[in-house]
Amino acid sequence: MRAGHAGQAARIRAERLLRWYPRAWRDRYGPEFAELLISDITERPKAPSRTLDVARGGIVARLATAGLAGVAGTGQVQVQARASLASLGCCQAFFLLIGAGMWSQLAIGWQWSAPAGAATMTGTLLMSAALLAFIALMGLAALPYAGTVTVKIARGQARGLVIPALVFAAGVTVAFFGGRHFGNGWPGTGGHPWPGGYLRAGGHEWIGRGLIPGGLAAFSWASTLSVTTYWLHPAALATFPAAELAWMAASPVALACAAGAAAALVRRVELPARLLAWQARLAASACGLMLAFFAGCGCWVASGGQGLFRAGAIDAAGIAALAATLAVAGQAARHARYGLPR
């Protein structure tokens, strides 16, 4: 009885350790690895090094499944590339959410007054240009997937693609119409042009409110209402209209659903190798634009800003989040190119 009890306990411990590994790995190697673990646990009941080794191996396996570690073997190059691109897409969505929230703060100030200081001016211009180019690049990268999914659905070959496509469409629809609706309350509305209607910088004149389109800035502000420190101040948050509170809770859910569904489509849609290589090049370009946006943020936050352009604690936290996201995105873009045609 005692031997049987000890064996059962060892099996339970082995099953718990196996949870460090992703499900696909457990389905393929789990039974054999579990037997090895049971044998080792029986011989060495207390071995912290074993737990650390299993945890480390499980984390590496999960990173490899996400396309962030390891080198693909024969026949797995495109699978790894798709996984890397899916992870990169999630990083881009998160980067866009945080970055647009920070940029909308500057866009509000831009409607009311000229940015104070060359660093704030440079950062605002760099962030604006990088953000617009980044959005355009994401749209360009999405075209092959949209076309392939549409063709497969039309031909009745869309097994495993219909549900992610519907979830993506629903998430984007909610985010778009919600952003348009709540953008009517944008605090930049009514901003006045600067004295004389022009901003003079570097020998050039910029028309007051035309540099950052108000509609785009309002949509960005409304779409990123959830990125706020008001969550840390429930009393102040309770004074918001109920509809706005509901949108602040629903908008990140809609964006997360859209990003998750897009990642699922990227993993499941089998593009030709050369088209995947083109996507990998776009991924590298996207990382370059993310880096440019991050540099613009750094210029602004480092300068501190003044008035409506003042950088606060949430902006410093945003910089840290952007840096971590950029590091993961760079890793995904690097692994997406392994083994693909140049």
C-alpha atoms as a PDB file:
ATOM      1  CA  MET A   1       0.000   0.000   0.000  1.00  0.00           C
ATOM      2  CA  ARG A   2       2.784   2.372   0.906  1.00  0.00           C
ATOM      3  CA  ALA A   3       4.636   1.636  -2.344  1.00  0.00           C
ATOM      4  CA  GLY A   4       1.443   2.156  -4.302  1.00  0.00           C
ATOM      5  CA  HIS A   5       0.737   5.403  -2.476  1.00  0.00           C
ATOM      6  CA  ALA A   6       4.284   6.627  -3.127  1.00  0.00           C
ATOM      7  CA  GLY A   7       3.974   5.758  -6.814  1.00  0.00           C
ATOM      8  CA  GLN A   8       0.673   7.632  -7.087  1.00  0.00           C
ATOM      9  CA  ALA A   9       2.177  10.665  -5.357  1.00  0.00           C
ATOM     10  CA  ALA A  10       5.156  10.593  -7.719  1.00  0.00           C
ATOM     11  CA  ARG A  11       2.797  10.458 -10.740  1.00  0.00           C
ATOM     12  CA  ILE A  12       0.812  13.443  -9.454  1.00  0.00           C
ATOM     13  CA  ARG A  13       4.009  15.438  -8.950  1.00  0.00           C
ATOM     14  CA  ALA A  14       5.190  14.508 -12.448  1.00  0.00           C
ATOM     15  CA  GLU A  15       1.890  15.646 -13.974  1.00  0.00           C
ATOM     16  CA  ARG A  16       2.183  18.957 -12.171  1.00  0.00           C
ATOM     17  CA  LEU A  17       5.712  19.470 -13.449  1.00  0.00           C
ATOM     18  CA  LEU A  18       4.587  18.692 -17.001  1.00  0.00           C
ATOM     19  CA  ARG A  19       2.269  21.702 -16.902  1.00  0.00           C
ATOM     20  CA  TRP A  20       5.301  23.886 -17.461  1.00  0.00           C
ATOM     21  CA  TYR A  21       5.281  22.638 -21.059  1.00  0.00           C
ATOM     22  CA  PRO A  22       2.755  23.678 -23.748  1.00  0.00           C
ATOM     23  CA  ARG A  23      -0.063  21.291 -24.621  1.00  0.00           C
ATOM     24  CA  ALA A  24       1.314  20.414 -28.079  1.00  0.00           C
ATOM     25  CA  TRP A  25       4.611  19.371 -26.504  1.00  0.00           C
ATOM     26  CA  ARG A  26       2.844  17.337 -23.797  1.00  0.00           C
ATOM     27  CA  ASP A  27       0.718  15.543 -26.392  1.00  0.00           C
ATOM     28  CA  ARG A  28       3.825  14.467 -28.269  1.00  0.00           C
ATOM     29  CA  TYR A  29       6.412  13.832 -25.563  1.00  0.00           C
ATOM     30  CA  GLY A  30       4.415  13.911 -22.326  1.00  0.00           C
ATOM     31  CA  PRO A  31       3.957  10.152 -21.618  1.00  0.00           C
ATOM     32  CA  GLU A  32       7.649   9.315 -22.068  1.00  0.00           C
ATOM     33  CA  PHE A  33       8.843  12.335 -20.120  1.00  0.00           C
ATOM     34  CA  ALA A  34       6.344  11.609 -17.337  1.00  0.00           C
ATOM     35  CA  GLU A  35       7.792   8.125 -16.849  1.00  0.00           C
ATOM     36  CA  LEU A  36      11.293   9.578 -16.588  1.00  0.00           C
ATOM     37  CA  LEU A  37      10.082  12.110 -14.034  1.00  0.00           C
ATOM     38  CA  ILE A  38       8.282   9.441 -11.981  1.00  0.00           C
ATOM     39  CA  SER A  39      11.448   7.347 -11.883  1.00  0.00           C
ATOM     40  CA  ASP A  40      13.575  10.316 -10.843  1.00  0.00           C
ATOM     41  CA  ILE A  41      11.061  11.468  -8.210  1.00  0.00           C
ATOM     42  CA  THR A  42      11.014   7.960  -6.731  1.00  0.00           C
ATOM     43  CA  GLU A  43      14.805   7.918  -6.468  1.00  0.00           C
ATOM     44  CA  ARG A  44      15.169  11.563  -5.365  1.00  0.00           C
ATOM     45  CA  PRO A  45      11.992  12.719  -3.603  1.00  0.00           C
ATOM     46  CA  LYS A  46      13.515  16.084  -2.727  1.00  0.00           C
ATOM     47  CA  ALA A  47      15.475  17.636  -5.613  1.00  0.00           C
ATOM     48  CA  PRO A  48      14.921  21.386  -6.175  1.00  0.00           C
ATOM     49  CA  SER A  49      17.270  21.289  -9.152  1.00  0.00           C
ATOM     50  CA  ARG A  50      14.861  18.944 -10.945  1.00  0.00           C
ATOM     51  CA  THR A  51      12.013  21.436 -10.597  1.00  0.00           C
ATOM     52  CA  LEU A  52      14.217  24.254 -11.850  1.00  0.00           C
ATOM     53  CA  ASP A  53      15.384  22.197 -14.846  1.00  0.00           C
ATOM     54  CA  VAL A  54      11.819  21.251 -15.793  1.00  0.00           C
ATOM     55  CA  ALA A  55      10.610  24.846 -15.379  1.00  0.00           C
ATOM     56  CA  ARG A  56      13.445  26.160 -17.516  1.00  0.00           C
ATOM     57  CA  GLY A  57      12.801  23.580 -20.224  1.00  0.00           C
ATOM     58  CA  GLY A  58       9.068  24.297 -20.147  1.00  0.00           C
ATOM     59  CA  ILE A  59       9.581  28.039 -20.534  1.00  0.00           C
ATOM     60  CA  VAL A  60      11.941  27.483 -23.465  1.00  0.00           C
ATOM     61  CA  ALA A  61       9.398  25.129 -25.063  1.00  0.00           C
ATOM     62  CA  ARG A  62       6.629  27.709 -24.658  1.00  0.00           C
ATOM     63  CA  LEU A  63       8.828  30.416 -26.167  1.00  0.00           C
ATOM     64  CA  ALA A  64       9.637  28.106 -29.081  1.00  0.00           C
ATOM     65  CA  THR A  65       5.931  27.426 -29.619  1.00  0.00           C
ATOM     66  CA  ALA A  66       5.370  31.192 -29.725  1.00  0.00           C
ATOM     67  CA  GLY A  67       8.169  31.584 -32.271  1.00  0.00           C
ATOM     68  CA  LEU A  68      10.443  33.436 -29.849  1.00  0.00           C
ATOM     69  CA  ALA A  69      13.177  30.846 -29.297  1.00  0.00           C
ATOM     70  CA  GLY A  70      14.842  27.842 -30.904  1.00  0.00           C
ATOM     71  CA  VAL A  71      15.593  27.030 -34.522  1.00  0.00           C
ATOM     72  CA  ALA A  72      12.988  25.266 -36.641  1.00  0.00           C
ATOM     73  CA  GLY A  73      13.822  21.802 -37.863  1.00  0.00           C
ATOM     74  CA  THR A  74      13.230  20.339 -41.298  1.00  0.00           C
ATOM     75  CA  GLY A  75       9.686  20.988 -42.458  1.00  0.00           C
ATOM     76  CA  GLN A  76       8.983  23.350 -39.565  1.00  0.00           C
ATOM     77  CA  VAL A  77      10.394  26.583 -41.008  1.00  0.00           C
ATOM     78  CA  GLN A  78       7.050  27.973 -42.135  1.00  0.00           C
ATOM     79  CA  VAL A  79       5.351  26.831 -38.931  1.00  0.00           C
ATOM     80  CA  GLN A  80       7.895  28.767 -36.870  1.00  0.00           C
ATOM     81  CA  ALA A  81       7.627  31.778 -39.176  1.00  0.00           C
ATOM     82  CA  ARG A  82       3.854  31.857 -38.755  1.00  0.00           C
ATOM     83  CA  ALA A  83       4.188  31.525 -34.978  1.00  0.00           C
ATOM     84  CA  SER A  84       6.756  34.335 -34.881  1.00  0.00           C
ATOM     85  CA  LEU A  85       4.574  36.599 -37.006  1.00  0.00           C
ATOM     86  CA  ALA A  86       1.564  35.874 -34.794  1.00  0.00           C
ATOM     87  CA  SER A  87       3.530  36.831 -31.675  1.00  0.00           C
ATOM     88  CA  LEU A  88       4.801  39.932 -33.442  1.00  0.00           C
ATOM     89  CA  GLY A  89       1.231  40.905 -34.331  1.00  0.00           C
ATOM     90  CA  CYS A  90       0.194  40.695 -30.675  1.00  0.00           C
ATOM     91  CA  CYS A  91       3.187  42.846 -29.701  1.00  0.00           C
ATOM     92  CA  GLN A  92       2.249  45.389 -32.358  1.00  0.00           C
ATOM     93  CA  ALA A  93      -1.350  45.570 -31.117  1.00  0.00           C
ATOM     94  CA  PHE A  94      -0.223  46.169 -27.532  1.00  0.00           C
ATOM     95  CA  PHE A  95       2.405  48.681 -28.651  1.00  0.00           C
ATOM     96  CA  LEU A  96      -0.217  50.519 -30.696  1.00  0.00           C
ATOM     97  CA  LEU A  97      -2.631  50.670 -27.751  1.00  0.00           C
ATOM     98  CA  ILE A  98      -0.085  52.103 -25.303  1.00  0.00           C
ATOM     99  CA  GLY A  99       1.602  54.299 -27.889  1.00  0.00           C
ATOM    100  CA  ALA A 100      -1.633  55.772 -29.199  1.00  0.00           C
ATOM    101  CA  GLY A 101      -2.683  56.559 -25.646  1.00  0.00           C
ATOM    102  CA  MET A 102       0.519  58.541 -25.096  1.00  0.00           C
ATOM    103  CA  TRP A 103       0.328  60.204 -28.501  1.00  0.00           C
ATOM    104  CA  SER A 104      -3.281  61.306 -27.974  1.00  0.00           C
ATOM    105  CA  GLN A 105      -2.146  63.207 -24.871  1.00  0.00           C
ATOM    106  CA  LEU A 106       0.232  65.218 -27.039  1.00  0.00           C
ATOM    107  CA  ALA A 107      -2.405  65.632 -29.739  1.00  0.00           C
ATOM    108  CA  ILE A 108      -4.736  67.288 -27.216  1.00  0.00           C
ATOM    109  CA  GLY A 109      -2.042  69.731 -26.181  1.00  0.00           C
ATOM    110  CA  TRP A 110      -1.158  70.394 -29.835  1.00  0.00           C
ATOM    111  CA  GLN A 111      -4.698  71.660 -30.488  1.00  0.00           C
ATOM    112  CA  TRP A 112      -4.449  74.281 -27.758  1.00  0.00           C
ATOM    113  CA  SER A 113      -0.882  75.527 -27.797  1.00  0.00           C
ATOM    114  CA  ALA A 114       2.519  75.110 -29.353  1.00  0.00           C
ATOM    115  CA  PRO A 115       4.767  72.439 -27.812  1.00  0.00           C
ATOM    116  CA  ALA A 116       7.222  74.056 -25.405  1.00  0.00           C
ATOM    117  CA  GLY A 117      10.842  73.184 -26.077  1.00  0.00           C
ATOM    118  CA  ALA A 118      12.681  71.639 -29.006  1.00  0.00           C
ATOM    119  CA  ALA A 119      12.734  68.158 -27.414  1.00  0.00           C
ATOM    120  CA  THR A 120       8.957  68.061 -27.001  1.00  0.00           C
ATOM    121  CA  MET A 121       8.493  69.372 -30.537  1.00  0.00           C
ATOM    122  CA  THR A 122      10.883  66.801 -31.996  1.00  0.00           C
ATOM    123  CA  GLY A 123       9.333  63.971 -29.994  1.00  0.00           C
ATOM    124  CA  THR A 124       5.799  64.913 -31.031  1.00  0.00           C
ATOM    125  CA  LEU A 125       6.678  65.119 -34.729  1.00  0.00           C
ATOM    126  CA  LEU A 126       8.633  61.848 -34.639  1.00  0.00           C
ATOM    127  CA  MET A 127       5.848  60.016 -32.785  1.00  0.00           C
ATOM    128  CA  SER A 128       3.214  61.338 -35.204  1.00  0.00           C
ATOM    129  CA  ALA A 129       5.126  60.311 -38.318  1.00  0.00           C
ATOM    130  CA  ALA A 130       6.084  56.886 -36.926  1.00  0.00           C
ATOM    131  CA  LEU A 131       2.538  56.155 -35.737  1.00  0.00           C
ATOM    132  CA  LEU A 132       0.935  56.959 -39.088  1.00  0.00           C
ATOM    133  CA  ALA A 133       3.546  54.933 -40.996  1.00  0.00           C
ATOM    134  CA  PHE A 134       3.164  52.054 -38.520  1.00  0.00           C
ATOM    135  CA  ILE A 135      -0.607  51.892 -39.015  1.00  0.00           C
ATOM    136  CA  ALA A 136      -0.174  51.963 -42.799  1.00  0.00           C
ATOM    137  CA  LEU A 137       2.403  49.158 -42.633  1.00  0.00           C
ATOM    138  CA  MET A 138       0.101  47.006 -40.502  1.00  0.00           C
ATOM    139  CA  GLY A 139      -2.650  47.457 -43.089  1.00  0.00           C
ATOM    140  CA  LEU A 140      -0.257  46.458 -45.875  1.00  0.00           C
ATOM    141  CA  ALA A 141       0.803  43.335 -43.978  1.00  0.00           C
ATOM    142  CA  ALA A 142      -2.842  42.361 -43.404  1.00  0.00           C
ATOM    143  CA  LEU A 143      -3.757  42.370 -47.116  1.00  0.00           C
ATOM    144  CA  PRO A 144      -2.394  38.866 -48.007  1.00  0.00           C
ATOM    145  CA  TYR A 145      -4.183  37.314 -45.034  1.00  0.00           C
ATOM    146  CA  ALA A 146      -7.448  39.096 -45.774  1.00  0.00           C
ATOM    147  CA  GLY A 147      -7.316  37.997 -49.404  1.00  0.00           C
ATOM    148  CA  THR A 148      -6.428  34.388 -48.581  1.00  0.00           C
ATOM    149  CA  VAL A 149      -9.134  34.045 -45.913  1.00  0.00           C
ATOM    150  CA  THR A 150     -11.744  35.563 -48.229  1.00  0.00           C
ATOM    151  CA  VAL A 151     -10.853  33.179 -51.062  1.00  0.00           C
ATOM    152  CA  LYS A 152     -10.881  30.137 -48.778  1.00  0.00           C
ATOM    153  CA  ILE A 153     -14.255  31.058 -47.307  1.00  0.00           C
ATOM    154  CA  ALA A 154     -15.676  31.563 -50.806  1.00  0.00           C
ATOM    155  CA  ARG A 155     -14.377  28.131 -51.865  1.00  0.00           C
ATOM    156  CA  GLY A 156     -15.612  26.387 -48.726  1.00  0.00           C
ATOM    157  CA  GLN A 157     -12.048  25.601 -47.592  1.00  0.00           C
ATOM    158  CA  ALA A 158     -12.034  27.761 -44.491  1.00  0.00           C
ATOM    159  CA  ARG A 159     -11.863  25.065 -41.844  1.00  0.00           C
ATOM    160  CA  GLY A 160     -10.594  26.651 -38.639  1.00  0.00           C
ATOM    161  CA  LEU A 161     -10.679  30.138 -40.138  1.00  0.00           C
ATOM    162  CA  VAL A 162     -14.330  31.207 -39.960  1.00  0.00           C
ATOM    163  CA  ILE A 163     -14.574  31.680 -36.187  1.00  0.00           C
ATOM    164  CA  PRO A 164     -11.315  33.693 -35.853  1.00  0.00           C
ATOM    165  CA  ALA A 165     -12.372  35.809 -38.851  1.00  0.00           C
ATOM    166  CA  LEU A 166     -15.755  36.543 -37.265  1.00  0.00           C
ATOM    167  CA  VAL A 167     -14.196  37.358 -33.892  1.00  0.00           C
ATOM    168  CA  PHE A 168     -11.687  39.671 -35.570  1.00  0.00           C
ATOM    169  CA  ALA A 169     -14.415  41.426 -37.537  1.00  0.00           C
ATOM    170  CA  ALA A 170     -16.560  41.833 -34.407  1.00  0.00           C
ATOM    171  CA  GLY A 171     -13.655  43.217 -32.356  1.00  0.00           C
ATOM    172  CA  VAL A 172     -12.647  45.716 -35.050  1.00  0.00           C
ATOM    173  CA  THR A 173     -16.262  46.797 -35.571  1.00  0.00           C
ATOM    174  CA  VAL A 174     -16.824  47.446 -31.862  1.00  0.00           C
ATOM    175  CA  ALA A 175     -13.510  49.323 -31.566  1.00  0.00           C
ATOM    176  CA  PHE A 176     -14.185  51.451 -34.650  1.00  0.00           C
ATOM    177  CA  PHE A 177     -17.741  52.520 -33.943  1.00  0.00           C
ATOM    178  CA  GLY A 178     -17.065  52.936 -30.220  1.00  0.00           C
ATOM    179  CA  GLY A 179     -14.079  55.147 -30.976  1.00  0.00           C
ATOM    180  CA  ARG A 180     -16.111  57.229 -33.409  1.00  0.00           C
ATOM    181  CA  HIS A 181     -18.957  57.639 -30.918  1.00  0.00           C
ATOM    182  CA  PHE A 182     -16.918  58.591 -27.867  1.00  0.00           C
ATOM    183  CA  GLY A 183     -14.541  60.710 -29.936  1.00  0.00           C
ATOM    184  CA  ASN A 184     -17.224  63.395 -29.891  1.00  0.00           C
ATOM    185  CA  GLY A 185     -16.199  64.149 -26.302  1.00  0.00           C
ATOM    186  CA  TRP A 186     -12.553  64.714 -27.209  1.00  0.00           C
ATOM    187  CA  PRO A 187     -11.051  67.469 -25.001  1.00  0.00           C
ATOM    188  CA  GLY A 188      -9.144  68.885 -27.975  1.00  0.00           C
ATOM    189  CA  THR A 189     -12.395  70.100 -29.540  1.00  0.00           C
ATOM    190  CA  GLY A 190     -12.480  73.875 -29.462  1.00  0.00           C
ATOM    191  CA  GLY A 191      -8.733  74.285 -29.353  1.00  0.00           C
ATOM    192  CA  HIS A 192      -7.528  77.630 -30.659  1.00  0.00           C
ATOM    193  CA  PRO A 193      -4.797  78.241 -33.239  1.00  0.00           C
ATOM    194  CA  TRP A 194      -1.580  79.634 -31.892  1.00  0.00           C
ATOM    195  CA  PRO A 195      -0.941  83.409 -32.135  1.00  0.00           C
ATOM    196  CA  GLY A 196      -1.124  84.388 -35.788  1.00  0.00           C
ATOM    197  CA  GLY A 197      -2.356  80.887 -36.648  1.00  0.00           C
ATOM    198  CA  TYR A 198       1.184  79.617 -37.248  1.00  0.00           C
ATOM    199  CA  LEU A 199       3.964  77.863 -35.404  1.00  0.00           C
ATOM    200  CA  ARG A 200       7.420  78.978 -36.423  1.00  0.00           C
ATOM    201  CA  ALA A 201      10.167  76.389 -35.934  1.00  0.00           C
ATOM    202  CA  GLY A 202      13.433  75.881 -37.750  1.00  0.00           C
ATOM    203  CA  GLY A 203      12.693  78.602 -40.282  1.00  0.00           C
ATOM    204  CA  HIS A 204       9.406  76.958 -41.290  1.00  0.00           C
ATOM    205  CA  GLU A 205       5.805  77.804 -40.535  1.00  0.00           C
ATOM    206  CA  TRP A 206       3.235  75.154 -39.602  1.00  0.00           C
ATOM    207  CA  ILE A 207      -0.487  75.878 -39.758  1.00  0.00           C
ATOM    208  CA  GLY A 208      -1.968  75.814 -36.241  1.00  0.00           C
ATOM    209  CA  ARG A 209      -4.357  72.886 -35.930  1.00  0.00           C
ATOM    210  CA  GLY A 210      -3.686  71.225 -39.277  1.00  0.00           C
ATOM    211  CA  LEU A 211      -0.527  69.345 -38.352  1.00  0.00           C
ATOM    212  CA  ILE A 212      -2.373  66.634 -36.384  1.00  0.00           C
ATOM    213  CA  PRO A 213      -5.833  65.954 -37.880  1.00  0.00           C
ATOM    214  CA  GLY A 214      -8.445  66.476 -35.171  1.00  0.00           C
ATOM    215  CA  GLY A 215     -10.569  63.493 -36.257  1.00  0.00           C
ATOM    216  CA  LEU A 216      -7.640  61.087 -36.050  1.00  0.00           C
ATOM    217  CA  ALA A 217      -6.549  62.488 -32.692  1.00  0.00           C
ATOM    218  CA  ALA A 218     -10.103  62.265 -31.317  1.00  0.00           C
ATOM    219  CA  PHE A 219     -10.464  58.653 -32.465  1.00  0.00           C
ATOM    220  CA  SER A 220      -7.107  57.745 -30.910  1.00  0.00           C
ATOM    221  CA  TRP A 221      -8.085  59.394 -27.625  1.00  0.00           C
ATOM    222  CA  ALA A 222     -11.462  57.629 -27.487  1.00  0.00           C
ATOM    223  CA  SER A 223      -9.964  54.241 -28.394  1.00  0.00           C
ATOM    224  CA  THR A 224      -7.407  54.453 -25.584  1.00  0.00           C
ATOM    225  CA  LEU A 225      -9.579  55.781 -22.756  1.00  0.00           C
ATOM    226  CA  SER A 226      -8.743  52.633 -20.804  1.00  0.00           C
ATOM    227  CA  VAL A 227      -5.063  53.686 -20.622  1.00  0.00           C
ATOM    228  CA  THR A 228      -5.422  55.997 -17.640  1.00  0.00           C
ATOM    229  CA  THR A 229      -4.441  56.347 -13.999  1.00  0.00           C
ATOM    230  CA  TYR A 230      -8.086  56.908 -13.074  1.00  0.00           C
ATOM    231  CA  TRP A 231      -8.256  53.149 -12.412  1.00  0.00           C
ATOM    232  CA  LEU A 232      -6.163  53.876  -9.298  1.00  0.00           C
ATOM    233  CA  HIS A 233      -8.654  56.495  -8.091  1.00  0.00           C
ATOM    234  CA  PRO A 234     -12.081  54.817  -7.819  1.00  0.00           C
ATOM    235  CA  ALA A 235     -13.728  57.905  -6.312  1.00  0.00           C
ATOM    236  CA  ALA A 236     -12.807  60.045  -9.305  1.00  0.00           C
ATOM    237  CA  LEU A 237     -13.608  57.238 -11.712  1.00  0.00           C
ATOM    238  CA  ALA A 238     -17.117  56.922 -10.262  1.00  0.00           C
ATOM    239  CA  THR A 239     -17.932  60.458 -11.442  1.00  0.00           C
ATOM    240  CA  PHE A 240     -17.601  59.410 -15.095  1.00  0.00           C
ATOM    241  CA  PRO A 241     -20.803  58.757 -17.121  1.00  0.00           C
ATOM    242  CA  ALA A 242     -21.917  55.131 -17.034  1.00  0.00           C
ATOM    243  CA  ALA A 243     -21.627  54.793 -20.812  1.00  0.00           C
ATOM    244  CA  GLU A 244     -18.041  56.020 -20.758  1.00  0.00           C
ATOM    245  CA  LEU A 245     -17.119  53.634 -17.952  1.00  0.00           C
ATOM    246  CA  ALA A 246     -18.639  50.778 -19.923  1.00  0.00           C
ATOM    247  CA  TRP A 247     -16.604  51.783 -22.967  1.00  0.00           C
ATOM    248  CA  MET A 248     -13.405  52.018 -20.920  1.00  0.00           C
ATOM    249  CA  ALA A 249     -13.962  48.413 -19.833  1.00  0.00           C
ATOM    250  CA  ALA A 250     -15.183  47.105 -23.196  1.00  0.00           C
ATOM    251  CA  SER A 251     -12.648  48.738 -25.549  1.00  0.00           C
ATOM    252  CA  PRO A 252      -9.579  46.779 -24.357  1.00  0.00           C
ATOM    253  CA  VAL A 253     -11.614  43.565 -24.491  1.00  0.00           C
ATOM    254  CA  ALA A 254     -12.611  44.287 -28.083  1.00  0.00           C
ATOM    255  CA  LEU A 255      -9.017  45.065 -29.045  1.00  0.00           C
ATOM    256  CA  ALA A 256      -7.725  41.943 -27.275  1.00  0.00           C
ATOM    257  CA  CYS A 257     -10.284  39.772 -29.083  1.00  0.00           C
ATOM    258  CA  ALA A 258      -9.305  41.290 -32.420  1.00  0.00           C
ATOM    259  CA  ALA A 259      -5.593  40.809 -31.737  1.00  0.00           C
ATOM    260  CA  GLY A 260      -6.044  37.219 -30.536  1.00  0.00           C
ATOM    261  CA  ALA A 261      -8.196  36.322 -33.536  1.00  0.00           C
ATOM    262  CA  ALA A 262      -5.677  37.921 -35.906  1.00  0.00           C
ATOM    263  CA  ALA A 263      -2.879  35.896 -34.304  1.00  0.00           C
ATOM    264  CA  ALA A 264      -4.913  32.701 -34.773  1.00  0.00           C
ATOM    265  CA  LEU A 265      -5.443  33.532 -38.448  1.00  0.00           C
ATOM    266  CA  VAL A 266      -1.740  34.214 -38.981  1.00  0.00           C
ATOM    267  CA  ARG A 267      -0.896  30.848 -37.449  1.00  0.00           C
ATOM    268  CA  ARG A 268      -3.477  28.950 -39.532  1.00  0.00           C
ATOM    269  CA  VAL A 269      -3.240  30.632 -42.932  1.00  0.00           C
ATOM    270  CA  GLU A 270      -0.536  28.918 -44.997  1.00  0.00           C
ATOM    271  CA  LEU A 271       1.066  31.525 -47.209  1.00  0.00           C
ATOM    272  CA  PRO A 272       3.750  30.669 -49.813  1.00  0.00           C
ATOM    273  CA  ALA A 273       7.323  30.765 -48.533  1.00  0.00           C
ATOM    274  CA  ARG A 274       8.237  33.882 -50.536  1.00  0.00           C
ATOM    275  CA  LEU A 275       5.167  35.726 -49.291  1.00  0.00           C
ATOM    276  CA  LEU A 276       6.074  34.752 -45.730  1.00  0.00           C
ATOM    277  CA  ALA A 277       9.567  36.112 -46.372  1.00  0.00           C
ATOM    278  CA  TRP A 278       7.982  39.375 -47.540  1.00  0.00           C
ATOM    279  CA  GLN A 279       5.943  39.460 -44.348  1.00  0.00           C
ATOM    280  CA  ALA A 280       9.143  38.953 -42.359  1.00  0.00           C
ATOM    281  CA  ARG A 281      10.685  41.970 -44.104  1.00  0.00           C
ATOM    282  CA  LEU A 282       7.601  44.025 -43.245  1.00  0.00           C
ATOM    283  CA  ALA A 283       7.995  42.810 -39.655  1.00  0.00           C
ATOM    284  CA  ALA A 284      11.547  44.153 -39.547  1.00  0.00           C
ATOM    285  CA  SER A 285      10.318  47.485 -40.941  1.00  0.00           C
ATOM    286  CA  ALA A 286       7.560  47.577 -38.312  1.00  0.00           C
ATOM    287  CA  CYS A 287      10.139  47.101 -35.570  1.00  0.00           C
ATOM    288  CA  GLY A 288      12.089  50.032 -37.032  1.00  0.00           C
ATOM    289  CA  LEU A 289       8.996  52.243 -36.855  1.00  0.00           C
ATOM    290  CA  MET A 290       8.308  51.070 -33.313  1.00  0.00           C
ATOM    291  CA  LEU A 291      11.868  52.037 -32.414  1.00  0.00           C
ATOM    292  CA  ALA A 292      11.376  55.479 -33.994  1.00  0.00           C
ATOM    293  CA  PHE A 293       8.154  55.985 -32.033  1.00  0.00           C
ATOM    294  CA  PHE A 294       9.923  54.885 -28.858  1.00  0.00           C
ATOM    295  CA  ALA A 295      12.718  57.391 -29.524  1.00  0.00           C
ATOM    296  CA  GLY A 296      10.122  60.139 -29.924  1.00  0.00           C
ATOM    297  CA  CYS A 297       8.538  59.142 -26.626  1.00  0.00           C
ATOM    298  CA  GLY A 298      11.952  59.216 -25.000  1.00  0.00           C
ATOM    299  CA  CYS A 299      12.610  62.760 -26.256  1.00  0.00           C
ATOM    300  CA  TRP A 300       9.310  63.951 -24.867  1.00  0.00           C
ATOM    301  CA  VAL A 301       9.411  62.180 -21.494  1.00  0.00           C
ATOM    302  CA  ALA A 302      13.073  63.065 -20.910  1.00  0.00           C
ATOM    303  CA  SER A 303      12.317  66.741 -21.497  1.00  0.00           C
ATOM    304  CA  GLY A 304       9.494  66.611 -18.950  1.00  0.00           C
ATOM    305  CA  GLY A 305       7.298  68.882 -21.036  1.00  0.00           C
ATOM    306  CA  GLN A 306       5.272  71.802 -19.765  1.00  0.00           C
ATOM    307  CA  GLY A 307       1.587  72.573 -19.428  1.00  0.00           C
ATOM    308  CA  LEU A 308      -0.533  70.243 -21.521  1.00  0.00           C
ATOM    309  CA  PHE A 309       2.643  68.498 -22.680  1.00  0.00           C
ATOM    310  CA  ARG A 310       3.829  67.591 -19.180  1.00  0.00           C
ATOM    311  CA  ALA A 311       4.950  63.963 -18.871  1.00  0.00           C
ATOM    312  CA  GLY A 312       3.588  62.173 -15.814  1.00  0.00           C
ATOM    313  CA  ALA A 313       4.141  58.877 -14.015  1.00  0.00           C
ATOM    314  CA  ILE A 314       1.832  57.013 -16.393  1.00  0.00           C
ATOM    315  CA  ASP A 315       4.011  58.147 -19.306  1.00  0.00           C
ATOM    316  CA  ALA A 316       7.125  56.770 -17.608  1.00  0.00           C
ATOM    317  CA  ALA A 317       5.269  53.479 -17.099  1.00  0.00           C
ATOM    318  CA  GLY A 318       4.214  53.611 -20.738  1.00  0.00           C
ATOM    319  CA  ILE A 319       7.849  54.017 -21.810  1.00  0.00           C
ATOM    320  CA  ALA A 320       8.783  50.903 -19.810  1.00  0.00           C
ATOM    321  CA  ALA A 321       5.905  48.926 -21.361  1.00  0.00           C
ATOM    322  CA  LEU A 322       6.903  50.045 -24.867  1.00  0.00           C
ATOM    323  CA  ALA A 323      10.525  49.042 -24.248  1.00  0.00           C
ATOM    324  CA  ALA A 324       9.546  45.533 -23.110  1.00  0.00           C
ATOM    325  CA  THR A 325       7.138  45.116 -26.028  1.00  0.00           C
ATOM    326  CA  LEU A 326       9.760  46.313 -28.503  1.00  0.00           C
ATOM    327  CA  ALA A 327      12.270  43.781 -27.167  1.00  0.00           C
ATOM    328  CA  VAL A 328       9.813  40.890 -27.616  1.00  0.00           C
ATOM    329  CA  ALA A 329       8.787  42.159 -31.063  1.00  0.00           C
ATOM    330  CA  GLY A 330      12.424  42.301 -32.162  1.00  0.00           C
ATOM    331  CA  GLN A 331      12.942  38.716 -31.035  1.00  0.00           C
ATOM    332  CA  ALA A 332       9.841  37.600 -32.953  1.00  0.00           C
ATOM    333  CA  ALA A 333      10.900  39.446 -36.112  1.00  0.00           C
ATOM    334  CA  ARG A 334      14.375  37.895 -35.949  1.00  0.00           C
ATOM    335  CA  HIS A 335      13.022  34.349 -35.617  1.00  0.00           C
ATOM    336  CA  ALA A 336      10.442  34.916 -38.363  1.00  0.00           C
ATOM    337  CA  ARG A 337      13.260  35.186 -40.944  1.00  0.00           C
ATOM    338  CA  TYR A 338      15.006  31.889 -40.098  1.00  0.00           C
ATOM    339  CA  GLY A 339      15.107  29.543 -43.096  1.00  0.00           C
ATOM    340  CA  LEU A 340      12.890  31.654 -45.348  1.00  0.00           C
ATOM    341  CA  PRO A 341      13.963  32.754 -48.874  1.00  0.00           C
ATOM    342  CA  ARG A 342      15.953  35.978 -48.906  1.00  0.00           C
END
